[in-house]
Amino acid sequence: MNPLVLLTPVFMAFEVAQLVVAERYLGIKQIERNADPRLVGPREPVAFLWLAGLMVYGGWVLLLLLTVPAARMQAVCLLAISLAGFTLRRNTTLAWTLVLLTFEGALRLGMLLSLLVFIWHQS
């Protein structure tokens, strides 16, 4: 088994944390207050950790795609979900951005769970 696959639970936890952070900064309370999250975004350390996590996550998915043949389909789906979500979020209002982030996160969590189960059945 490729050691890259063993990092899947870490990235599942990252996805859950990302959903929590998205709810905190783009949540219902922010929408009701009509607050613009770009003006009152996260503090610099949180923003740095979030961006660094996203970059490591993207690199991990690319490594899965290139080095783990059994995980290629899940890696392609993870990339496609992320790219489609980014494209859709660029053209929506704040309320729909939260909906899209939640749906996108759920799809990515499902793909990560699929990867875990698939690799577990192969070993």
N, C-alpha and C. Protein backbone atom coordinates (compact mmCIF):
# COMPACT_ATOMS: atom_id res chain seq x y z
N MET A 1 0.85 -1.18 0.00
CA MET A 1 0.00 0.00 0.00
C MET A 1 0.89 1.24 0.00
N ASN A 2 0.54 2.16 -0.82
CA ASN A 2 1.29 3.41 -0.93
C ASN A 2 1.07 4.27 0.33
N PRO A 3 2.14 4.81 0.91
CA PRO A 3 1.98 5.62 2.13
C PRO A 3 1.16 6.89 1.92
N LEU A 4 1.04 7.36 0.69
CA LEU A 4 0.21 8.54 0.43
C LEU A 4 -1.25 8.30 0.80
N VAL A 5 -1.70 7.07 0.61
CA VAL A 5 -3.09 6.74 0.90
C VAL A 5 -3.36 6.83 2.41
N LEU A 6 -2.32 6.60 3.21
CA LEU A 6 -2.50 6.65 4.66
C LEU A 6 -2.81 8.06 5.16
N LEU A 7 -2.59 9.07 4.34
CA LEU A 7 -2.89 10.45 4.71
C LEU A 7 -4.36 10.81 4.50
N THR A 8 -5.14 9.91 3.94
CA THR A 8 -6.55 10.19 3.65
C THR A 8 -7.33 10.65 4.88
N PRO A 9 -7.21 9.99 6.05
CA PRO A 9 -7.96 10.48 7.22
C PRO A 9 -7.57 11.91 7.63
N VAL A 10 -6.31 12.27 7.43
CA VAL A 10 -5.87 13.63 7.76
C VAL A 10 -6.61 14.64 6.88
N PHE A 11 -6.74 14.32 5.61
CA PHE A 11 -7.42 15.25 4.70
C PHE A 11 -8.93 15.21 4.87
N MET A 12 -9.46 14.10 5.39
CA MET A 12 -10.88 14.09 5.75
C MET A 12 -11.12 15.06 6.92
N ALA A 13 -10.23 15.04 7.89
CA ALA A 13 -10.34 15.98 9.02
C ALA A 13 -10.19 17.41 8.52
N PHE A 14 -9.30 17.64 7.56
CA PHE A 14 -9.13 18.97 6.99
C PHE A 14 -10.41 19.43 6.30
N GLU A 15 -11.08 18.53 5.60
CA GLU A 15 -12.35 18.88 4.93
C GLU A 15 -13.40 19.29 5.96
N VAL A 16 -13.49 18.56 7.06
CA VAL A 16 -14.46 18.91 8.10
C VAL A 16 -14.10 20.27 8.69
N ALA A 17 -12.82 20.50 8.96
CA ALA A 17 -12.38 21.80 9.49
C ALA A 17 -12.69 22.91 8.50
N GLN A 18 -12.53 22.63 7.23
CA GLN A 18 -12.82 23.63 6.20
C GLN A 18 -14.31 23.98 6.19
N LEU A 19 -15.16 22.99 6.39
CA LEU A 19 -16.60 23.26 6.47
C LEU A 19 -16.93 24.13 7.68
N VAL A 20 -16.27 23.86 8.81
CA VAL A 20 -16.50 24.66 10.02
C VAL A 20 -16.04 26.10 9.81
N VAL A 21 -14.87 26.27 9.22
CA VAL A 21 -14.35 27.62 8.98
C VAL A 21 -15.24 28.37 7.99
N ALA A 22 -15.71 27.67 6.97
CA ALA A 22 -16.60 28.31 5.99
C ALA A 22 -17.88 28.76 6.65
N GLU A 23 -18.43 27.94 7.54
CA GLU A 23 -19.66 28.33 8.24
C GLU A 23 -19.39 29.53 9.15
N ARG A 24 -18.23 29.56 9.75
CA ARG A 24 -17.91 30.67 10.66
C ARG A 24 -17.80 32.00 9.90
N TYR A 25 -17.15 31.98 8.75
CA TYR A 25 -16.91 33.23 8.03
C TYR A 25 -17.94 33.55 6.95
N LEU A 26 -18.70 32.55 6.52
CA LEU A 26 -19.71 32.79 5.49
C LEU A 26 -21.09 32.34 5.94
N GLY A 27 -21.25 32.05 7.23
CA GLY A 27 -22.45 31.43 7.74
C GLY A 27 -23.70 32.29 7.72
N ILE A 28 -24.77 31.70 8.22
CA ILE A 28 -26.08 32.34 8.24
C ILE A 28 -26.03 33.66 9.01
N LYS A 29 -25.32 33.68 10.13
CA LYS A 29 -25.24 34.92 10.91
C LYS A 29 -24.60 36.05 10.10
N GLN A 30 -23.56 35.71 9.34
CA GLN A 30 -22.90 36.72 8.51
C GLN A 30 -23.84 37.21 7.41
N ILE A 31 -24.59 36.28 6.85
CA ILE A 31 -25.52 36.65 5.78
C ILE A 31 -26.63 37.54 6.33
N GLU A 32 -27.16 37.20 7.52
CA GLU A 32 -28.22 38.00 8.13
C GLU A 32 -27.73 39.41 8.45
N ARG A 33 -26.47 39.54 8.88
CA ARG A 33 -25.90 40.85 9.20
C ARG A 33 -25.50 41.63 7.96
N ASN A 34 -25.56 40.97 6.83
CA ASN A 34 -25.15 41.57 5.57
C ASN A 34 -23.66 41.94 5.58
N ALA A 35 -22.87 41.14 6.30
CA ALA A 35 -21.44 41.39 6.42
C ALA A 35 -20.71 40.82 5.20
N ASP A 36 -19.74 41.53 4.72
CA ASP A 36 -18.93 41.06 3.61
C ASP A 36 -17.70 40.36 4.18
N PRO A 37 -17.56 39.04 3.97
CA PRO A 37 -16.44 38.31 4.57
C PRO A 37 -15.08 38.76 4.05
N ARG A 38 -15.06 39.43 2.90
CA ARG A 38 -13.78 39.92 2.39
C ARG A 38 -13.27 41.09 3.22
N LEU A 39 -14.19 41.78 3.90
CA LEU A 39 -13.79 42.91 4.75
C LEU A 39 -13.44 42.47 6.16
N VAL A 40 -14.08 41.42 6.65
CA VAL A 40 -13.83 40.93 8.01
C VAL A 40 -13.41 39.46 7.95
N GLY A 41 -12.41 39.17 7.17
CA GLY A 41 -11.95 37.80 6.99
C GLY A 41 -11.23 37.27 8.21
N PRO A 42 -10.68 36.08 8.10
CA PRO A 42 -9.96 35.48 9.23
C PRO A 42 -8.67 36.24 9.52
N ARG A 43 -8.19 36.06 10.74
CA ARG A 43 -6.90 36.66 11.09
C ARG A 43 -5.81 36.03 10.23
N GLU A 44 -4.68 36.69 10.17
CA GLU A 44 -3.60 36.26 9.28
C GLU A 44 -3.12 34.83 9.55
N PRO A 45 -2.91 34.40 10.81
CA PRO A 45 -2.47 33.02 11.03
C PRO A 45 -3.49 31.99 10.52
N VAL A 46 -4.78 32.26 10.74
CA VAL A 46 -5.82 31.34 10.28
C VAL A 46 -5.83 31.29 8.75
N ALA A 47 -5.74 32.45 8.13
CA ALA A 47 -5.72 32.51 6.66
C ALA A 47 -4.50 31.78 6.11
N PHE A 48 -3.35 31.95 6.76
CA PHE A 48 -2.14 31.27 6.30
C PHE A 48 -2.29 29.76 6.41
N LEU A 49 -2.77 29.28 7.57
CA LEU A 49 -2.94 27.84 7.76
C LEU A 49 -3.95 27.26 6.78
N TRP A 50 -5.02 28.00 6.53
CA TRP A 50 -6.03 27.53 5.60
C TRP A 50 -5.45 27.43 4.19
N LEU A 51 -4.76 28.46 3.75
CA LEU A 51 -4.16 28.45 2.42
C LEU A 51 -3.08 27.38 2.30
N ALA A 52 -2.25 27.25 3.32
CA ALA A 52 -1.20 26.22 3.30
C ALA A 52 -1.84 24.83 3.25
N GLY A 53 -2.90 24.63 4.02
CA GLY A 53 -3.61 23.35 3.99
C GLY A 53 -4.18 23.04 2.62
N LEU A 54 -4.76 24.06 1.98
CA LEU A 54 -5.31 23.87 0.63
C LEU A 54 -4.21 23.51 -0.37
N MET A 55 -3.06 24.14 -0.24
CA MET A 55 -1.96 23.85 -1.17
C MET A 55 -1.41 22.44 -0.95
N VAL A 56 -1.25 22.04 0.31
CA VAL A 56 -0.77 20.69 0.61
C VAL A 56 -1.80 19.66 0.13
N TYR A 57 -3.07 19.95 0.34
CA TYR A 57 -4.15 19.07 -0.10
C TYR A 57 -4.13 18.91 -1.62
N GLY A 58 -3.99 20.00 -2.33
CA GLY A 58 -3.91 19.94 -3.79
C GLY A 58 -2.70 19.16 -4.27
N GLY A 59 -1.56 19.37 -3.62
CA GLY A 59 -0.36 18.61 -3.95
C GLY A 59 -0.53 17.13 -3.70
N TRP A 60 -1.20 16.80 -2.59
CA TRP A 60 -1.45 15.40 -2.25
C TRP A 60 -2.34 14.75 -3.32
N VAL A 61 -3.38 15.45 -3.74
CA VAL A 61 -4.27 14.91 -4.77
C VAL A 61 -3.51 14.70 -6.08
N LEU A 62 -2.66 15.65 -6.45
CA LEU A 62 -1.86 15.48 -7.67
C LEU A 62 -0.89 14.30 -7.55
N LEU A 63 -0.27 14.14 -6.37
CA LEU A 63 0.61 12.98 -6.16
C LEU A 63 -0.17 11.68 -6.25
N LEU A 64 -1.38 11.65 -5.68
CA LEU A 64 -2.21 10.46 -5.81
C LEU A 64 -2.48 10.15 -7.28
N LEU A 65 -2.81 11.18 -8.01
CA LEU A 65 -3.13 11.03 -9.43
C LEU A 65 -1.94 10.45 -10.20
N LEU A 66 -0.75 10.90 -9.87
CA LEU A 66 0.44 10.51 -10.63
C LEU A 66 1.09 9.22 -10.16
N THR A 67 0.94 8.87 -8.87
CA THR A 67 1.73 7.75 -8.34
C THR A 67 0.93 6.57 -7.82
N VAL A 68 -0.37 6.72 -7.62
CA VAL A 68 -1.16 5.61 -7.07
C VAL A 68 -2.24 5.23 -8.09
N PRO A 69 -1.97 4.22 -8.91
CA PRO A 69 -2.93 3.85 -9.95
C PRO A 69 -4.32 3.51 -9.40
N ALA A 70 -4.38 2.89 -8.23
CA ALA A 70 -5.67 2.50 -7.67
C ALA A 70 -6.50 3.70 -7.24
N ALA A 71 -5.87 4.85 -7.06
CA ALA A 71 -6.58 6.03 -6.55
C ALA A 71 -6.82 7.08 -7.64
N ARG A 72 -6.54 6.74 -8.87
CA ARG A 72 -6.63 7.76 -9.94
C ARG A 72 -8.05 8.29 -10.12
N MET A 73 -9.04 7.41 -10.10
CA MET A 73 -10.41 7.87 -10.34
C MET A 73 -10.85 8.83 -9.23
N GLN A 74 -10.55 8.49 -7.97
CA GLN A 74 -10.92 9.39 -6.88
C GLN A 74 -10.17 10.71 -6.98
N ALA A 75 -8.90 10.66 -7.36
CA ALA A 75 -8.11 11.89 -7.49
C ALA A 75 -8.67 12.78 -8.60
N VAL A 76 -9.04 12.18 -9.72
CA VAL A 76 -9.63 12.96 -10.82
C VAL A 76 -10.94 13.59 -10.36
N CYS A 77 -11.76 12.82 -9.64
CA CYS A 77 -13.03 13.35 -9.14
C CYS A 77 -12.81 14.48 -8.13
N LEU A 78 -11.84 14.32 -7.24
CA LEU A 78 -11.54 15.38 -6.28
C LEU A 78 -11.12 16.67 -6.99
N LEU A 79 -10.29 16.54 -8.00
CA LEU A 79 -9.87 17.72 -8.76
C LEU A 79 -11.05 18.34 -9.51
N ALA A 80 -11.87 17.49 -10.12
CA ALA A 80 -13.02 18.00 -10.88
C ALA A 80 -14.02 18.70 -9.97
N ILE A 81 -14.27 18.13 -8.79
CA ILE A 81 -15.19 18.75 -7.83
C ILE A 81 -14.65 20.11 -7.40
N SER A 82 -13.36 20.16 -7.09
CA SER A 82 -12.76 21.43 -6.65
C SER A 82 -12.80 22.49 -7.74
N LEU A 83 -12.47 22.11 -8.96
CA LEU A 83 -12.49 23.07 -10.06
C LEU A 83 -13.90 23.54 -10.39
N ALA A 84 -14.85 22.62 -10.39
CA ALA A 84 -16.24 23.00 -10.65
C ALA A 84 -16.77 23.90 -9.54
N GLY A 85 -16.44 23.57 -8.30
CA GLY A 85 -16.88 24.40 -7.18
C GLY A 85 -16.29 25.80 -7.25
N PHE A 86 -15.01 25.88 -7.57
CA PHE A 86 -14.38 27.20 -7.69
C PHE A 86 -15.04 28.02 -8.79
N THR A 87 -15.29 27.38 -9.92
CA THR A 87 -15.92 28.07 -11.05
C THR A 87 -17.31 28.58 -10.68
N LEU A 88 -18.09 27.74 -10.02
CA LEU A 88 -19.45 28.15 -9.64
C LEU A 88 -19.44 29.24 -8.56
N ARG A 89 -18.53 29.11 -7.60
CA ARG A 89 -18.48 30.11 -6.51
C ARG A 89 -18.09 31.49 -7.01
N ARG A 90 -17.32 31.56 -8.07
CA ARG A 90 -16.88 32.86 -8.59
C ARG A 90 -18.05 33.71 -9.09
N ASN A 91 -19.16 33.07 -9.42
CA ASN A 91 -20.27 33.77 -10.06
C ASN A 91 -21.54 33.77 -9.22
N THR A 92 -21.44 33.60 -7.91
CA THR A 92 -22.65 33.52 -7.09
C THR A 92 -22.63 34.57 -5.98
N THR A 93 -23.78 34.71 -5.35
CA THR A 93 -23.90 35.60 -4.19
C THR A 93 -23.35 34.89 -2.96
N LEU A 94 -23.25 35.63 -1.87
CA LEU A 94 -22.70 35.09 -0.62
C LEU A 94 -23.51 33.90 -0.11
N ALA A 95 -24.84 33.99 -0.16
CA ALA A 95 -25.68 32.90 0.33
C ALA A 95 -25.44 31.63 -0.48
N TRP A 96 -25.34 31.75 -1.78
CA TRP A 96 -25.11 30.58 -2.61
C TRP A 96 -23.68 30.06 -2.48
N THR A 97 -22.75 30.93 -2.15
CA THR A 97 -21.38 30.49 -1.93
C THR A 97 -21.32 29.52 -0.77
N LEU A 98 -22.03 29.83 0.31
CA LEU A 98 -22.07 28.92 1.46
C LEU A 98 -22.68 27.58 1.08
N VAL A 99 -23.76 27.61 0.33
CA VAL A 99 -24.41 26.37 -0.12
C VAL A 99 -23.45 25.55 -0.98
N LEU A 100 -22.79 26.21 -1.92
CA LEU A 100 -21.86 25.51 -2.80
C LEU A 100 -20.66 24.95 -2.04
N LEU A 101 -20.13 25.72 -1.08
CA LEU A 101 -19.01 25.22 -0.28
C LEU A 101 -19.40 23.98 0.51
N THR A 102 -20.60 24.00 1.08
CA THR A 102 -21.08 22.86 1.86
C THR A 102 -21.26 21.64 0.97
N PHE A 103 -21.89 21.82 -0.17
CA PHE A 103 -22.12 20.72 -1.10
C PHE A 103 -20.79 20.18 -1.64
N GLU A 104 -19.90 21.07 -1.99
CA GLU A 104 -18.58 20.68 -2.50
C GLU A 104 -17.80 19.91 -1.44
N GLY A 105 -17.85 20.39 -0.20
CA GLY A 105 -17.16 19.69 0.89
C GLY A 105 -17.73 18.30 1.12
N ALA A 106 -19.06 18.18 1.05
CA ALA A 106 -19.69 16.87 1.22
C ALA A 106 -19.28 15.91 0.11
N LEU A 107 -19.23 16.41 -1.12
CA LEU A 107 -18.80 15.55 -2.23
C LEU A 107 -17.34 15.11 -2.07
N ARG A 108 -16.49 16.04 -1.66
CA ARG A 108 -15.08 15.68 -1.47
C ARG A 108 -14.91 14.69 -0.31
N LEU A 109 -15.67 14.88 0.77
CA LEU A 109 -15.62 13.91 1.87
C LEU A 109 -16.07 12.53 1.39
N GLY A 110 -17.10 12.50 0.56
CA GLY A 110 -17.56 11.23 0.00
C GLY A 110 -16.49 10.56 -0.85
N MET A 111 -15.79 11.34 -1.64
CA MET A 111 -14.72 10.77 -2.47
C MET A 111 -13.56 10.27 -1.61
N LEU A 112 -13.24 10.98 -0.55
CA LEU A 112 -12.17 10.53 0.35
C LEU A 112 -12.58 9.24 1.06
N LEU A 113 -13.85 9.16 1.48
CA LEU A 113 -14.35 7.93 2.10
C LEU A 113 -14.31 6.79 1.09
N SER A 114 -14.69 7.06 -0.14
CA SER A 114 -14.63 6.06 -1.21
C SER A 114 -13.19 5.56 -1.39
N LEU A 115 -12.24 6.48 -1.35
CA LEU A 115 -10.84 6.10 -1.48
C LEU A 115 -10.40 5.21 -0.32
N LEU A 116 -10.79 5.57 0.89
CA LEU A 116 -10.44 4.74 2.06
C LEU A 116 -11.00 3.34 1.93
N VAL A 117 -12.28 3.23 1.58
CA VAL A 117 -12.93 1.92 1.48
C VAL A 117 -12.30 1.11 0.35
N PHE A 118 -12.04 1.74 -0.78
CA PHE A 118 -11.45 1.04 -1.92
C PHE A 118 -10.08 0.49 -1.57
N ILE A 119 -9.24 1.29 -0.97
CA ILE A 119 -7.90 0.84 -0.60
C ILE A 119 -7.96 -0.23 0.48
N TRP A 120 -8.90 -0.09 1.41
CA TRP A 120 -9.05 -1.08 2.48
C TRP A 120 -9.44 -2.43 1.88
N HIS A 121 -10.32 -2.45 0.91
CA HIS A 121 -10.73 -3.71 0.28
C HIS A 121 -9.61 -4.31 -0.55
N GLN A 122 -8.72 -3.50 -1.05
CA GLN A 122 -7.60 -4.02 -1.84
C GLN A 122 -6.51 -4.64 -0.98
N SER A 123 -6.40 -4.19 0.26
CA SER A 123 -5.30 -4.70 1.11
C SER A 123 -5.67 -5.99 1.80
